[in-house]
N, C-alpha and C. Protein backbone atom coordinates (compact mmCIF):
# COMPACT_ATOMS: atom_id res chain seq x y z
N MET A 1 0.85 -1.18 0.00
CA MET A 1 0.00 0.00 0.00
C MET A 1 0.90 1.24 0.00
N GLU A 2 0.48 2.21 -0.74
CA GLU A 2 1.21 3.47 -0.79
C GLU A 2 0.24 4.63 -0.64
N PRO A 3 0.69 5.73 -0.02
CA PRO A 3 -0.19 6.90 0.10
C PRO A 3 -0.66 7.36 -1.28
N SER A 4 -1.89 7.88 -1.33
CA SER A 4 -2.46 8.30 -2.61
C SER A 4 -3.00 9.72 -2.55
N PRO A 5 -2.18 10.69 -2.95
CA PRO A 5 -2.68 12.06 -3.04
C PRO A 5 -3.85 12.18 -4.02
N GLU A 6 -3.87 11.33 -5.05
CA GLU A 6 -4.96 11.37 -6.02
C GLU A 6 -6.30 11.01 -5.37
N LEU A 7 -6.30 9.97 -4.53
CA LEU A 7 -7.55 9.60 -3.86
C LEU A 7 -7.93 10.62 -2.80
N LYS A 8 -6.96 11.22 -2.16
CA LYS A 8 -7.28 12.30 -1.22
C LYS A 8 -7.99 13.43 -1.97
N GLY A 9 -7.50 13.74 -3.16
CA GLY A 9 -8.13 14.76 -4.00
C GLY A 9 -9.55 14.37 -4.39
N ARG A 10 -9.77 13.09 -4.66
CA ARG A 10 -11.12 12.63 -5.00
C ARG A 10 -12.08 12.81 -3.82
N MET A 11 -11.57 12.52 -2.61
CA MET A 11 -12.41 12.73 -1.42
C MET A 11 -12.75 14.19 -1.25
N LEU A 12 -11.77 15.07 -1.43
CA LEU A 12 -12.03 16.50 -1.32
C LEU A 12 -13.05 16.95 -2.37
N LYS A 13 -12.93 16.40 -3.58
CA LYS A 13 -13.91 16.71 -4.62
C LYS A 13 -15.29 16.22 -4.22
N LEU A 14 -15.37 15.01 -3.64
CA LEU A 14 -16.65 14.47 -3.20
C LEU A 14 -17.29 15.40 -2.18
N TYR A 15 -16.52 15.83 -1.18
CA TYR A 15 -17.06 16.75 -0.18
C TYR A 15 -17.53 18.05 -0.82
N ASP A 16 -16.75 18.55 -1.79
CA ASP A 16 -17.11 19.81 -2.45
C ASP A 16 -18.42 19.69 -3.21
N VAL A 17 -18.57 18.66 -4.03
CA VAL A 17 -19.79 18.56 -4.84
C VAL A 17 -21.00 18.23 -3.97
N MET A 18 -20.79 17.47 -2.88
CA MET A 18 -21.89 17.22 -1.96
C MET A 18 -22.30 18.51 -1.26
N SER A 19 -21.32 19.31 -0.86
CA SER A 19 -21.61 20.58 -0.19
C SER A 19 -22.39 21.52 -1.11
N ARG A 20 -22.14 21.43 -2.40
CA ARG A 20 -22.86 22.26 -3.36
C ARG A 20 -24.22 21.67 -3.73
N GLY A 21 -24.50 20.46 -3.22
CA GLY A 21 -25.78 19.81 -3.54
C GLY A 21 -25.85 19.31 -4.96
N ASP A 22 -24.70 19.12 -5.59
CA ASP A 22 -24.64 18.71 -6.99
C ASP A 22 -24.72 17.19 -7.09
N ALA A 23 -25.93 16.70 -7.23
CA ALA A 23 -26.16 15.24 -7.25
C ALA A 23 -25.47 14.58 -8.44
N ALA A 24 -25.53 15.19 -9.61
CA ALA A 24 -24.91 14.58 -10.79
C ALA A 24 -23.41 14.42 -10.61
N ALA A 25 -22.75 15.47 -10.11
CA ALA A 25 -21.30 15.40 -9.90
C ALA A 25 -20.95 14.43 -8.78
N THR A 26 -21.80 14.37 -7.75
CA THR A 26 -21.57 13.43 -6.66
C THR A 26 -21.66 12.00 -7.18
N LEU A 27 -22.73 11.71 -7.88
CA LEU A 27 -22.95 10.35 -8.38
C LEU A 27 -21.91 9.94 -9.42
N ALA A 28 -21.33 10.91 -10.12
CA ALA A 28 -20.28 10.60 -11.09
C ALA A 28 -19.04 10.02 -10.42
N LEU A 29 -18.91 10.23 -9.11
CA LEU A 29 -17.77 9.70 -8.37
C LEU A 29 -18.02 8.28 -7.84
N TYR A 30 -19.25 7.80 -7.98
CA TYR A 30 -19.63 6.46 -7.50
C TYR A 30 -19.74 5.49 -8.67
N SER A 31 -19.32 4.26 -8.45
CA SER A 31 -19.46 3.22 -9.46
C SER A 31 -20.93 2.86 -9.64
N THR A 32 -21.27 2.49 -10.86
CA THR A 32 -22.62 2.01 -11.15
C THR A 32 -22.57 0.52 -11.49
N ARG A 33 -21.44 -0.11 -11.27
CA ARG A 33 -21.29 -1.54 -11.55
C ARG A 33 -21.91 -2.39 -10.46
N PRO A 34 -22.31 -3.62 -10.79
CA PRO A 34 -22.79 -4.54 -9.75
C PRO A 34 -21.70 -4.78 -8.71
N GLY A 35 -22.11 -5.01 -7.48
CA GLY A 35 -21.16 -5.29 -6.42
C GLY A 35 -20.87 -4.11 -5.53
N ILE A 36 -21.55 -2.98 -5.73
CA ILE A 36 -21.32 -1.81 -4.88
C ILE A 36 -22.04 -2.00 -3.55
N LEU A 37 -21.59 -1.25 -2.55
CA LEU A 37 -22.26 -1.22 -1.25
C LEU A 37 -22.05 0.15 -0.65
N ASN A 38 -23.14 0.81 -0.30
CA ASN A 38 -23.08 2.11 0.36
C ASN A 38 -23.94 2.05 1.60
N ILE A 39 -23.30 2.34 2.75
CA ILE A 39 -23.96 2.25 4.05
C ILE A 39 -23.97 3.64 4.67
N GLY A 40 -25.15 4.07 5.09
CA GLY A 40 -25.29 5.37 5.75
C GLY A 40 -25.44 5.23 7.25
N THR A 41 -25.81 6.31 7.89
CA THR A 41 -25.92 6.33 9.36
C THR A 41 -27.24 5.78 9.86
N ASP A 42 -28.27 5.86 9.06
CA ASP A 42 -29.59 5.38 9.46
C ASP A 42 -29.67 3.87 9.24
N PRO A 43 -30.36 3.15 10.11
CA PRO A 43 -30.48 1.69 9.92
C PRO A 43 -31.05 1.29 8.55
N LYS A 44 -31.81 2.17 7.90
CA LYS A 44 -32.40 1.85 6.60
C LYS A 44 -31.44 2.14 5.44
N GLU A 45 -30.30 2.76 5.73
CA GLU A 45 -29.38 3.18 4.68
C GLU A 45 -28.33 2.08 4.40
N TRP A 46 -28.71 1.16 3.54
CA TRP A 46 -27.86 0.05 3.12
C TRP A 46 -28.23 -0.25 1.68
N TRP A 47 -27.38 0.18 0.75
CA TRP A 47 -27.73 0.07 -0.67
C TRP A 47 -26.70 -0.75 -1.43
N THR A 48 -27.19 -1.73 -2.16
CA THR A 48 -26.35 -2.51 -3.06
C THR A 48 -26.75 -2.30 -4.52
N ASP A 49 -27.83 -1.62 -4.73
CA ASP A 49 -28.33 -1.33 -6.08
C ASP A 49 -27.92 0.10 -6.45
N PRO A 50 -27.06 0.25 -7.45
CA PRO A 50 -26.61 1.59 -7.82
C PRO A 50 -27.75 2.56 -8.16
N LYS A 51 -28.80 2.08 -8.79
CA LYS A 51 -29.92 2.96 -9.15
C LYS A 51 -30.65 3.45 -7.90
N ARG A 52 -30.87 2.57 -6.97
CA ARG A 52 -31.54 2.95 -5.71
C ARG A 52 -30.67 3.94 -4.94
N HIS A 53 -29.36 3.66 -4.88
CA HIS A 53 -28.44 4.57 -4.21
C HIS A 53 -28.49 5.96 -4.85
N ALA A 54 -28.53 6.01 -6.17
CA ALA A 54 -28.59 7.30 -6.88
C ALA A 54 -29.87 8.06 -6.55
N GLU A 55 -31.00 7.35 -6.50
CA GLU A 55 -32.27 7.99 -6.16
C GLU A 55 -32.23 8.61 -4.76
N ILE A 56 -31.75 7.83 -3.81
CA ILE A 56 -31.71 8.29 -2.42
C ILE A 56 -30.68 9.41 -2.25
N MET A 57 -29.51 9.27 -2.86
CA MET A 57 -28.48 10.30 -2.74
C MET A 57 -28.98 11.62 -3.32
N THR A 58 -29.68 11.57 -4.43
CA THR A 58 -30.23 12.78 -5.05
C THR A 58 -31.22 13.46 -4.10
N ALA A 59 -32.12 12.66 -3.53
CA ALA A 59 -33.11 13.21 -2.60
C ALA A 59 -32.43 13.78 -1.36
N GLN A 60 -31.47 13.05 -0.80
CA GLN A 60 -30.83 13.52 0.43
C GLN A 60 -30.01 14.78 0.22
N LEU A 61 -29.33 14.89 -0.90
CA LEU A 61 -28.56 16.11 -1.16
C LEU A 61 -29.50 17.32 -1.24
N ALA A 62 -30.67 17.15 -1.82
CA ALA A 62 -31.65 18.24 -1.86
C ALA A 62 -32.13 18.57 -0.44
N GLU A 63 -32.37 17.55 0.37
CA GLU A 63 -32.82 17.76 1.75
C GLU A 63 -31.74 18.40 2.62
N LEU A 64 -30.49 18.21 2.25
CA LEU A 64 -29.37 18.75 3.03
C LEU A 64 -28.87 20.08 2.47
N ALA A 65 -29.65 20.75 1.67
CA ALA A 65 -29.24 22.02 1.06
C ALA A 65 -28.68 22.96 2.13
N GLY A 66 -27.53 23.55 1.83
CA GLY A 66 -26.90 24.47 2.76
C GLY A 66 -25.95 23.80 3.75
N THR A 67 -25.87 22.48 3.70
CA THR A 67 -24.96 21.74 4.58
C THR A 67 -23.59 21.67 3.94
N ARG A 68 -22.55 21.82 4.74
CA ARG A 68 -21.17 21.75 4.26
C ARG A 68 -20.49 20.52 4.84
N PHE A 69 -19.81 19.77 4.00
CA PHE A 69 -19.03 18.61 4.42
C PHE A 69 -17.58 19.06 4.53
N ILE A 70 -17.01 18.93 5.71
CA ILE A 70 -15.71 19.52 5.99
C ILE A 70 -14.69 18.43 6.29
N ALA A 71 -13.66 18.39 5.47
CA ALA A 71 -12.57 17.42 5.68
C ALA A 71 -11.78 17.80 6.92
N GLN A 72 -11.36 16.81 7.65
CA GLN A 72 -10.56 17.04 8.85
C GLN A 72 -9.15 16.47 8.70
N ASN A 73 -9.07 15.20 8.33
CA ASN A 73 -7.77 14.54 8.25
C ASN A 73 -7.90 13.32 7.34
N ILE A 74 -7.99 13.56 6.06
CA ILE A 74 -8.20 12.47 5.11
C ILE A 74 -6.94 11.60 5.02
N ILE A 75 -7.17 10.30 5.10
CA ILE A 75 -6.13 9.30 4.89
C ILE A 75 -6.47 8.60 3.59
N ALA A 76 -5.50 8.41 2.71
CA ALA A 76 -5.76 7.79 1.42
C ALA A 76 -4.59 6.89 1.02
N TYR A 77 -4.92 5.66 0.64
CA TYR A 77 -3.92 4.69 0.20
C TYR A 77 -4.43 3.94 -1.01
N ARG A 78 -3.52 3.38 -1.77
CA ARG A 78 -3.88 2.57 -2.93
C ARG A 78 -2.88 1.45 -3.13
N GLU A 79 -3.35 0.44 -3.82
CA GLU A 79 -2.51 -0.68 -4.27
C GLU A 79 -3.08 -1.11 -5.61
N GLY A 80 -2.37 -0.81 -6.67
CA GLY A 80 -2.87 -1.15 -8.00
C GLY A 80 -4.14 -0.37 -8.31
N SER A 81 -5.20 -1.10 -8.69
CA SER A 81 -6.45 -0.45 -9.11
C SER A 81 -7.46 -0.32 -7.98
N VAL A 82 -7.02 -0.54 -6.73
CA VAL A 82 -7.92 -0.42 -5.58
C VAL A 82 -7.29 0.50 -4.55
N GLY A 83 -8.10 1.31 -3.92
CA GLY A 83 -7.61 2.20 -2.87
C GLY A 83 -8.70 2.45 -1.85
N TRP A 84 -8.31 3.11 -0.77
CA TRP A 84 -9.30 3.44 0.26
C TRP A 84 -9.00 4.81 0.84
N THR A 85 -10.06 5.42 1.33
CA THR A 85 -9.93 6.71 2.01
C THR A 85 -10.74 6.66 3.30
N ALA A 86 -10.32 7.47 4.25
CA ALA A 86 -11.04 7.59 5.52
C ALA A 86 -10.86 9.00 6.04
N ASP A 87 -11.87 9.47 6.74
CA ASP A 87 -11.80 10.81 7.33
C ASP A 87 -12.72 10.88 8.54
N ALA A 88 -12.21 11.45 9.62
CA ALA A 88 -13.04 11.82 10.77
C ALA A 88 -13.43 13.27 10.51
N SER A 89 -14.54 13.45 9.85
CA SER A 89 -14.97 14.73 9.30
C SER A 89 -15.99 15.41 10.20
N LYS A 90 -16.57 16.45 9.64
CA LYS A 90 -17.72 17.07 10.29
C LYS A 90 -18.61 17.68 9.22
N VAL A 91 -19.88 17.82 9.56
CA VAL A 91 -20.81 18.53 8.70
C VAL A 91 -21.22 19.79 9.42
N ARG A 92 -21.28 20.87 8.67
CA ARG A 92 -21.79 22.13 9.21
C ARG A 92 -23.19 22.31 8.65
N LEU A 93 -24.16 22.29 9.54
CA LEU A 93 -25.55 22.41 9.15
C LEU A 93 -25.90 23.86 8.85
N PRO A 94 -26.98 24.10 8.14
CA PRO A 94 -27.34 25.47 7.77
C PRO A 94 -27.47 26.42 8.96
N ASP A 95 -27.79 25.91 10.15
CA ASP A 95 -27.90 26.78 11.33
C ASP A 95 -26.54 27.08 11.96
N GLY A 96 -25.45 26.54 11.36
CA GLY A 96 -24.10 26.79 11.87
C GLY A 96 -23.59 25.73 12.83
N SER A 97 -24.46 24.87 13.31
CA SER A 97 -23.99 23.80 14.21
C SER A 97 -23.18 22.78 13.42
N GLU A 98 -22.27 22.12 14.13
CA GLU A 98 -21.42 21.13 13.48
C GLU A 98 -21.60 19.77 14.15
N VAL A 99 -21.58 18.73 13.32
CA VAL A 99 -21.75 17.36 13.80
C VAL A 99 -20.59 16.54 13.27
N PRO A 100 -19.85 15.85 14.16
CA PRO A 100 -18.77 14.99 13.67
C PRO A 100 -19.34 13.74 12.99
N PHE A 101 -18.66 13.30 11.96
CA PHE A 101 -19.02 12.03 11.33
C PHE A 101 -17.75 11.39 10.78
N ARG A 102 -17.85 10.12 10.50
CA ARG A 102 -16.74 9.37 9.92
C ARG A 102 -17.19 8.86 8.56
N PHE A 103 -16.26 8.92 7.62
CA PHE A 103 -16.59 8.45 6.28
C PHE A 103 -15.41 7.63 5.76
N THR A 104 -15.69 6.42 5.32
CA THR A 104 -14.69 5.59 4.68
C THR A 104 -15.20 5.20 3.30
N ALA A 105 -14.28 5.02 2.38
CA ALA A 105 -14.66 4.61 1.03
C ALA A 105 -13.58 3.72 0.45
N VAL A 106 -14.02 2.73 -0.29
CA VAL A 106 -13.13 1.91 -1.11
C VAL A 106 -13.33 2.37 -2.54
N TRP A 107 -12.22 2.61 -3.21
CA TRP A 107 -12.25 3.13 -4.58
C TRP A 107 -11.68 2.09 -5.53
N HIS A 108 -12.21 2.07 -6.75
CA HIS A 108 -11.71 1.18 -7.78
C HIS A 108 -11.43 2.01 -9.03
N LEU A 109 -10.31 1.75 -9.64
CA LEU A 109 -9.95 2.48 -10.86
C LEU A 109 -10.71 1.85 -12.03
N GLU A 110 -11.69 2.58 -12.53
CA GLU A 110 -12.51 2.12 -13.65
C GLU A 110 -12.09 2.91 -14.88
N GLY A 111 -11.35 2.26 -15.74
CA GLY A 111 -10.76 2.98 -16.88
C GLY A 111 -9.71 3.94 -16.35
N GLU A 112 -9.95 5.23 -16.51
CA GLU A 112 -9.02 6.25 -16.04
C GLU A 112 -9.51 6.97 -14.79
N GLU A 113 -10.68 6.57 -14.28
CA GLU A 113 -11.29 7.29 -13.16
C GLU A 113 -11.46 6.43 -11.92
N TRP A 114 -11.17 7.02 -10.76
CA TRP A 114 -11.42 6.35 -9.50
C TRP A 114 -12.89 6.53 -9.14
N LYS A 115 -13.54 5.41 -8.81
CA LYS A 115 -14.96 5.42 -8.43
C LYS A 115 -15.14 4.74 -7.08
N VAL A 116 -16.05 5.26 -6.28
CA VAL A 116 -16.39 4.64 -5.00
C VAL A 116 -17.18 3.36 -5.28
N VAL A 117 -16.71 2.25 -4.74
CA VAL A 117 -17.44 0.98 -4.87
C VAL A 117 -18.03 0.55 -3.53
N GLN A 118 -17.52 1.11 -2.45
CA GLN A 118 -18.06 0.83 -1.12
C GLN A 118 -17.82 2.05 -0.25
N SER A 119 -18.84 2.43 0.51
CA SER A 119 -18.69 3.55 1.43
C SER A 119 -19.46 3.28 2.70
N HIS A 120 -19.00 3.92 3.76
CA HIS A 120 -19.68 3.78 5.05
C HIS A 120 -19.57 5.10 5.80
N THR A 121 -20.70 5.60 6.24
CA THR A 121 -20.77 6.83 7.02
C THR A 121 -21.30 6.49 8.40
N SER A 122 -20.71 7.08 9.43
CA SER A 122 -21.20 6.85 10.79
C SER A 122 -21.00 8.10 11.64
N PHE A 123 -21.79 8.18 12.69
CA PHE A 123 -21.61 9.22 13.69
C PHE A 123 -20.90 8.56 14.87
N PRO A 124 -19.78 9.13 15.32
CA PRO A 124 -19.07 8.51 16.43
C PRO A 124 -19.90 8.57 17.72
N VAL A 125 -20.04 7.42 18.33
CA VAL A 125 -20.80 7.29 19.58
C VAL A 125 -19.93 6.49 20.55
N ALA A 126 -19.85 6.94 21.78
CA ALA A 126 -19.06 6.24 22.78
C ALA A 126 -19.59 4.82 22.99
N ASN A 127 -18.69 3.87 23.21
CA ASN A 127 -19.09 2.48 23.45
C ASN A 127 -20.09 2.39 24.59
N GLU A 128 -19.87 3.17 25.63
CA GLU A 128 -20.75 3.14 26.80
C GLU A 128 -22.18 3.50 26.41
N GLN A 129 -22.31 4.44 25.46
CA GLN A 129 -23.63 4.85 25.01
C GLN A 129 -24.24 3.81 24.07
N ALA A 130 -23.42 3.23 23.20
CA ALA A 130 -23.94 2.31 22.19
C ALA A 130 -24.27 0.93 22.76
N ILE A 131 -23.38 0.40 23.63
CA ILE A 131 -23.59 -0.97 24.12
C ILE A 131 -23.58 -1.05 25.64
N ASN A 132 -23.61 0.12 26.29
CA ASN A 132 -23.64 0.17 27.75
C ASN A 132 -22.46 -0.56 28.39
N LYS A 133 -21.30 -0.46 27.73
CA LYS A 133 -20.10 -1.12 28.25
C LYS A 133 -18.87 -0.33 27.81
N GLU A 134 -17.97 -0.14 28.74
CA GLU A 134 -16.71 0.51 28.41
C GLU A 134 -15.77 -0.51 27.80
N LEU A 135 -15.15 -0.17 26.68
CA LEU A 135 -14.17 -1.02 26.03
C LEU A 135 -12.85 -0.27 25.93
N THR A 136 -11.76 -0.99 25.85
CA THR A 136 -10.45 -0.39 25.70
C THR A 136 -10.39 0.36 24.36
N THR A 137 -9.97 1.61 24.42
CA THR A 137 -9.83 2.40 23.19
C THR A 137 -8.44 2.99 23.04
N GLU A 138 -7.60 2.85 24.05
CA GLU A 138 -6.23 3.36 24.01
C GLU A 138 -5.28 2.26 24.48
N PRO A 139 -4.09 2.18 23.89
CA PRO A 139 -3.11 1.19 24.34
C PRO A 139 -2.75 1.40 25.81
N ARG A 140 -2.51 0.30 26.49
CA ARG A 140 -2.05 0.36 27.88
C ARG A 140 -0.57 0.02 27.87
N PRO A 141 0.30 1.01 28.06
CA PRO A 141 1.75 0.79 27.99
C PRO A 141 2.21 -0.30 28.96
N GLY A 142 3.19 -1.07 28.48
CA GLY A 142 3.82 -2.06 29.34
C GLY A 142 3.14 -3.41 29.38
N HIS A 143 2.05 -3.58 28.68
CA HIS A 143 1.39 -4.87 28.69
C HIS A 143 1.93 -5.75 27.56
N ARG A 144 2.11 -7.02 27.83
CA ARG A 144 2.70 -7.94 26.87
C ARG A 144 1.75 -8.28 25.72
N ASP A 145 0.52 -7.87 25.81
CA ASP A 145 -0.45 -8.18 24.76
C ASP A 145 -0.52 -7.07 23.71
N GLY A 146 0.55 -6.31 23.57
CA GLY A 146 0.58 -5.23 22.58
C GLY A 146 0.01 -3.94 23.11
N GLY A 147 -0.31 -3.93 24.41
CA GLY A 147 -0.81 -2.72 25.03
C GLY A 147 -2.31 -2.55 24.94
N MET A 148 -3.02 -3.49 24.35
CA MET A 148 -4.46 -3.32 24.18
C MET A 148 -5.26 -3.91 25.31
N GLY A 149 -4.65 -4.72 26.16
CA GLY A 149 -5.41 -5.33 27.23
C GLY A 149 -6.30 -6.44 26.69
N ARG A 150 -7.02 -7.07 27.53
CA ARG A 150 -7.93 -8.13 27.11
C ARG A 150 -9.33 -7.62 26.92
N ARG A 151 -9.64 -6.43 27.36
CA ARG A 151 -10.94 -5.84 27.11
C ARG A 151 -10.92 -5.22 25.73
N GLY A 152 -12.00 -5.27 25.04
CA GLY A 152 -12.08 -4.64 23.73
C GLY A 152 -11.47 -5.52 22.66
N LEU A 153 -11.10 -4.91 21.57
CA LEU A 153 -10.59 -5.65 20.43
C LEU A 153 -9.08 -5.80 20.52
N SER A 154 -8.60 -6.96 20.20
CA SER A 154 -7.18 -7.22 20.18
C SER A 154 -6.59 -6.69 18.88
N PRO A 155 -5.31 -6.26 18.90
CA PRO A 155 -4.70 -5.78 17.66
C PRO A 155 -4.38 -6.90 16.70
N ARG A 156 -4.49 -8.16 17.12
CA ARG A 156 -4.20 -9.29 16.25
C ARG A 156 -5.32 -9.44 15.24
N VAL A 157 -4.94 -9.68 14.00
CA VAL A 157 -5.92 -9.87 12.93
C VAL A 157 -5.72 -11.23 12.32
């Protein structure tokens, strides 16, 4: 894997066209091939059909008029014709309030253009709030298990 300034630029373009409410330009960045998956924050937002995703994205961009998608710290990598991006971003709503969100995308090089083939958006919620349980979220120095402890997820994959 190598860092990808090109994919970082694609993410910035995605945020820009979404902020402008430009559905056509937004959808031009998404693949229309079979095998796509786009997951939103709402439990009903799970799309594998490119046409359905386009319908919903068009409606939602209109409903979000005046909302700005703000990049915070985009990470972008690629290997061959596949890459990924991630950002702990925020949205600025028309009333000026800001809401943090996370966005990840898997990109595929289709011809000469990078297209999103999988995306996931979420609002960060503390483990205690989501599952009523505290989990390890920071390394614990000096532990032989890689510093992660036995609570929470292990760094082993």
